[in-house]
Amino acid sequence: MTQLALPKTVDEITPEWLTAAMQSTNSATGTVTAVDAVPIGVGVGVVGALFRITPTWDGDGPKTVIAKMPSSPSARFVAEMLSMYRRESRFYEQLSVRTPVPHATCYYSQLNWETQDFILLLSDLAGGRIVDQIVGCTLEEAEVAVDRLAELHAAFWNDAALRPSDWLPIINDSPLPEAAAFAYEQGWPVMDGLFGDTLSPAIRAFGSTFHTVLPGLMERLSHPPFTMSHGDYRLDNIFFNDTPDGLDLTLCDWQLVDTSRGGRDLGYFVSQSMTKEMRGQHERDLTRRYVEGLASRGVNDYSFDDAWLDYRVSTLFCLVYPIVAGGSIESQDERSVRLTGDMLDRCVTAIEELNCLDLVD
């Protein structure tokens, strides 16, 4: 791709710049004469600033374009510490072509490797339907999500080309465990203050020291068989689509992509994107469906027992998500507070019902 002057703010996405960027990748043949930009996607876990760009074209070009750029200084600190901008940019440049699960088309990608300034120009997924994670998904939606997850993981199962990599980390590569433990330790007092009274004494005591066992769980999830994991596989990052062949999905937000055991994505989705009741009724069947989906694509060395253990380990590991997310939100953001509270409640209920505390010393 042609390297242009990298815009630092949305105001620097001028008609001239957008024309050059889109034409450099043959994503448009027309010329942009005006640009209208509206911020979108404010909420839990968003560490990139998102804008819906509506260009005025003299000639052919997409009606709208999604621009993704660095976010606020506090969010940017976390993103840079975890190389999130670098990971997503490189995913679209190097691995998206191999990814069988529907995802946004990348029109243009540019990253400054040193400063981690970046911009992505992506296709607009506004035609899809997002299911509110607070409400939780239906069984049909969960089955589609698990089917597509198995397809994604099978495509990269034990792929030696993924390890080592100068940008795609193994889940326990330094500084990821240290950063996760630090962020958890900072977030726990906030979430304990908000929701501690709803937790059992055992969970509350465990939660206060979870950061000490977190690196060990990440090390456990790093062992083969490994795959490319999405890393943030939840409802807020999934657009559902009704197609002539039935329900399908498009997956977005690849900032936490890494290599780890596949149960990591499965455990996160099932334990925190479904209601407690739905998860309890269907988690074994969904785990079996995941294993069968892998087997149908040639992965025959991964049993239900393997997957069920990974699912339990991952459910425990995924306590990190609501604590880290909740520790950084503003208390006046009512939806984010409720969502992180629901994620925490679902997660700790699953931990207790699955006896996940038995998995750590």
Foldseek 3Di string as FASTA:
>chain_A
DDDDPFDQDPVVCAQVNVQCLLVVQPQFDWGFDGKDWDWDDDFFPDQWTKIWIQTDTPHDHDRIKIKTWGDDPVSNVLLVQLVLLVQVLVCLVPPPVLFPAAAWHWSGWDADPVVRTIMTITDDPVVFAFDQLLAFDDPVVLLQLLLSLLSRFLSFWQPCVVPPDPRAAQQLPPPNLVSLLVLLQLLLVLVCVVCVVVDDPVVNVCSNCVSVCLSVLSVVFRDPRKGWDQQQQERVQWTWDQDPVGIHIYGDRSSRIHITHSLLNVLLHLQRSHALVVSVVCVLVSLVSSVVSSVVSPPDPADSVNSVVSSLSNLSSCLSRLRSRNSPDDPVPVSNNSSSVSRNVSSVVSCVVVVSVVVDD
